[in-house]
Amino acid sequence: MTLMEFSPDEPKVPWRPSEPLTKDDLDRMPDDGHRYEVIDGTLLVTPAPSRLHQRVVAAVYRTLFDTCPANLEVLFAPFDVVISPDTVLQPDVLVARREDFTDNDLPKAPLLAVEVLSASTKRIDVMLKWSRLEAAGCPAYWVVDPDTPSLIGWELRDGAYAQVAKVAGDEPVVLTSPYDVTVVPADLIL
């Protein structure tokens, strides 16, 4: 089946009822304030994040940016991470080698992906994204829960994620992948 579009008066949204969606389909999505991701060919659309979510994303970004080595780069969403033709994610924060980026995306798993949990994305973040990034070989994955506040970190060991950190409140943790950084969950809630 070929790509079909709605009438010219409606937003142009690709629709392929019998085929998985791809990055090419995702590139045709409207710029309307929603986050569009594709996991295993299935479109995920999430609403714009809350103010608290964005404040925590900013705090995670600053924490990582402040100690980032020159050969790496820290970015925050929206920025596409293409781990396969049918799986394009947008981690809330990511760290990757500068040389691995294109102008438009990161065509491989990052060195670190961070998700800040919210009610609308929690299951996606701790199940789907976690498993897809693990399978893609992303060396480190963190989730931050602003409601607690807490952080859980995993690192890839022999092809599977192993939990390396679980902290809450004022408890500091030193995470070492992809570089040494100290995180205090309470400090991320501004």
Protein backbone atom coordinates (compact mmCIF):
# COMPACT_ATOMS: atom_id res chain seq x y z
CA MET A 1 0.00 0.00 0.00
CA THR A 2 1.28 3.47 -0.82
CA LEU A 3 1.40 6.45 1.50
CA MET A 4 -1.96 8.22 1.64
CA GLU A 5 -2.57 11.71 2.93
CA PHE A 6 -5.67 13.57 4.06
CA SER A 7 -7.24 16.31 1.97
CA PRO A 8 -5.23 19.53 1.50
CA ASP A 9 -7.47 21.32 4.03
CA GLU A 10 -6.45 18.94 6.85
CA PRO A 11 -2.99 18.52 8.38
CA LYS A 12 -0.85 16.18 6.31
CA VAL A 13 -0.35 13.13 8.47
CA PRO A 14 0.98 9.94 6.90
CA TRP A 15 -1.22 6.93 7.25
CA ARG A 16 -0.22 3.40 6.35
CA PRO A 17 -2.79 1.07 7.86
CA SER A 18 -1.10 -2.15 6.77
CA GLU A 19 2.59 -1.25 7.07
CA PRO A 20 4.77 -0.17 10.00
CA LEU A 21 5.68 3.51 10.05
CA THR A 22 9.28 4.54 9.38
CA LYS A 23 11.53 7.53 9.96
CA ASP A 24 10.47 8.89 6.55
CA ASP A 25 6.84 8.90 7.73
CA LEU A 26 7.86 10.55 10.98
CA ASP A 27 9.62 13.33 9.06
CA ARG A 28 6.25 14.21 7.50
CA MET A 29 4.50 14.75 10.85
CA PRO A 30 3.26 18.27 11.61
CA ASP A 31 5.18 20.64 13.85
CA ASP A 32 2.30 21.13 16.26
CA GLY A 33 3.80 20.97 19.75
CA HIS A 34 3.32 17.24 20.19
CA ARG A 35 6.17 14.77 20.46
CA TYR A 36 6.08 12.15 17.70
CA GLU A 37 8.11 8.98 18.06
CA VAL A 38 8.02 5.61 16.31
CA ILE A 39 8.73 2.37 18.16
CA ASP A 40 8.72 -0.82 16.13
CA GLY A 41 6.71 0.94 13.42
CA THR A 42 4.02 2.18 15.81
CA LEU A 43 3.40 5.90 16.16
CA LEU A 44 3.49 7.37 19.67
CA VAL A 45 2.11 10.87 20.16
CA THR A 46 2.47 12.57 23.51
CA PRO A 47 1.29 16.03 24.55
CA ALA A 48 3.64 18.86 25.34
CA PRO A 49 5.26 18.27 28.74
CA SER A 50 4.37 20.07 31.95
CA ARG A 51 6.31 22.98 33.41
CA LEU A 52 7.75 20.76 36.19
CA HIS A 53 8.87 18.19 33.63
CA GLN A 54 10.67 20.85 31.60
CA ARG A 55 12.32 22.34 34.68
CA VAL A 56 13.67 18.90 35.64
CA VAL A 57 14.87 18.29 32.06
CA ALA A 58 16.71 21.63 32.25
CA ALA A 59 18.31 20.69 35.58
CA VAL A 60 19.45 17.29 34.24
CA TYR A 61 20.84 18.99 31.14
CA ARG A 62 22.77 21.55 33.23
CA THR A 63 24.14 18.84 35.52
CA LEU A 64 25.41 16.82 32.56
CA PHE A 65 26.57 19.86 30.57
CA ASP A 66 28.68 21.23 33.42
CA THR A 67 30.97 18.17 33.43
CA CYS A 68 30.72 17.07 29.79
CA PRO A 69 34.05 16.29 28.09
CA ALA A 70 34.80 18.22 24.87
CA ASN A 71 34.41 15.17 22.62
CA LEU A 72 30.81 14.60 23.78
CA GLU A 73 27.64 16.67 23.44
CA VAL A 74 24.55 16.93 25.64
CA LEU A 75 21.21 17.69 23.95
CA PHE A 76 17.61 17.81 25.11
CA ALA A 77 14.38 16.90 23.31
CA PRO A 78 13.15 17.21 20.75
CA PHE A 79 16.01 15.56 18.87
CA ASP A 80 15.62 12.29 16.97
CA VAL A 81 17.61 9.20 17.88
CA VAL A 82 17.27 6.73 15.01
CA ILE A 83 18.02 3.26 16.32
CA SER A 84 16.41 1.47 13.37
CA PRO A 85 14.29 2.44 10.35
CA ASP A 86 11.13 1.75 12.36
CA THR A 87 12.26 3.09 15.76
CA VAL A 88 12.96 6.79 16.29
CA LEU A 89 13.06 8.03 19.88
CA GLN A 90 13.42 11.44 21.48
CA PRO A 91 14.97 11.03 24.94
CA ASP A 92 14.42 14.01 27.22
CA VAL A 93 18.21 14.37 27.49
CA LEU A 94 20.95 12.51 25.66
CA VAL A 95 24.73 12.38 25.55
CA ALA A 96 26.62 11.19 22.47
CA ARG A 97 29.95 11.58 20.73
CA ARG A 98 30.03 14.79 18.68
CA GLU A 99 31.19 12.81 15.64
CA ASP A 100 28.11 10.55 15.77
CA PHE A 101 25.56 13.33 15.12
CA THR A 102 24.22 14.47 11.78
CA ASP A 103 22.67 17.93 11.50
CA ASN A 104 19.20 16.39 11.87
CA ASP A 105 19.51 13.35 14.12
CA LEU A 106 21.63 10.83 15.95
CA PRO A 107 21.63 7.74 13.69
CA LYS A 108 22.59 5.35 16.48
CA ALA A 109 22.04 4.83 20.18
CA PRO A 110 23.43 7.58 22.43
CA LEU A 111 25.96 6.92 25.18
CA LEU A 112 23.33 8.03 27.72
CA ALA A 113 19.59 8.53 27.42
CA VAL A 114 17.62 10.19 30.23
CA GLU A 115 13.84 10.27 30.61
CA VAL A 116 11.96 12.43 33.08
CA LEU A 117 8.80 10.58 34.04
CA SER A 118 5.32 11.99 33.65
CA ALA A 119 1.91 10.38 33.97
CA SER A 120 1.42 10.21 30.19
CA THR A 121 4.81 8.64 29.39
CA LYS A 122 5.85 6.59 32.44
CA ARG A 123 5.06 3.16 30.96
CA ILE A 124 6.65 4.07 27.64
CA ASP A 125 9.80 5.34 29.37
CA VAL A 126 10.32 2.43 31.77
CA MET A 127 9.23 -0.36 29.44
CA LEU A 128 9.34 0.39 25.72
CA LYS A 129 12.14 2.94 25.53
CA TRP A 130 14.15 1.06 28.16
CA SER A 131 13.98 -2.18 26.18
CA ARG A 132 14.61 -0.59 22.77
CA LEU A 133 17.62 1.36 24.01
CA GLU A 134 18.97 -1.75 25.72
CA ALA A 135 18.60 -3.75 22.48
CA ALA A 136 20.25 -0.92 20.51
CA GLY A 137 23.28 -1.00 22.80
CA CYS A 138 22.81 2.34 24.60
CA PRO A 139 25.45 2.07 27.37
CA ALA A 140 23.50 3.99 30.05
CA TYR A 141 19.85 4.84 30.72
CA TRP A 142 18.40 6.92 33.55
CA VAL A 143 14.86 7.72 34.60
CA VAL A 144 14.12 10.64 36.90
CA ASP A 145 10.84 10.78 38.79
CA PRO A 146 10.10 14.40 39.72
CA ASP A 147 7.26 13.39 42.03
CA THR A 148 9.53 11.49 44.45
CA PRO A 149 12.20 12.99 43.54
CA SER A 150 14.33 10.00 42.58
CA LEU A 151 16.67 8.61 39.96
CA ILE A 152 17.24 5.05 38.75
CA GLY A 153 20.25 4.39 36.52
CA TRP A 154 21.13 1.34 34.45
CA GLU A 155 24.28 0.44 32.55
CA LEU A 156 24.69 -2.12 29.82
CA ARG A 157 26.53 -5.23 31.06
CA ASP A 158 26.93 -8.20 28.73
CA GLY A 159 24.13 -6.89 26.49
CA ALA A 160 21.58 -6.33 29.26
CA TYR A 161 20.81 -3.42 31.56
CA ALA A 162 21.94 -3.79 35.16
CA GLN A 163 20.74 -1.30 37.76
CA VAL A 164 23.68 0.77 39.02
CA ALA A 165 21.85 3.45 40.99
CA LYS A 166 18.60 4.01 42.83
CA VAL A 167 18.55 7.18 44.91
CA ALA A 168 15.94 9.56 46.23
CA GLY A 169 15.74 12.97 47.85
CA ASP A 170 19.03 14.45 49.06
CA GLU A 171 21.00 11.24 48.51
CA PRO A 172 23.89 11.88 46.07
CA VAL A 173 25.07 9.33 43.54
CA VAL A 174 28.15 9.35 41.33
CA LEU A 175 27.37 7.89 37.93
CA THR A 176 30.31 7.03 35.70
CA SER A 177 28.85 6.30 32.27
CA PRO A 178 29.53 8.02 29.93
CA TYR A 179 31.58 10.20 32.33
CA ASP A 180 31.68 10.94 36.04
CA VAL A 181 28.82 13.11 37.25
CA THR A 182 27.26 13.55 40.70
CA VAL A 183 23.48 13.74 40.82
CA VAL A 184 21.26 14.62 43.77
CA PRO A 185 17.59 14.01 42.82
CA ALA A 186 16.26 16.79 45.08
CA ASP A 187 18.54 19.29 43.32
CA LEU A 188 16.82 18.49 40.00
CA ILE A 189 13.48 19.76 41.33
CA LEU A 190 13.93 23.52 41.19
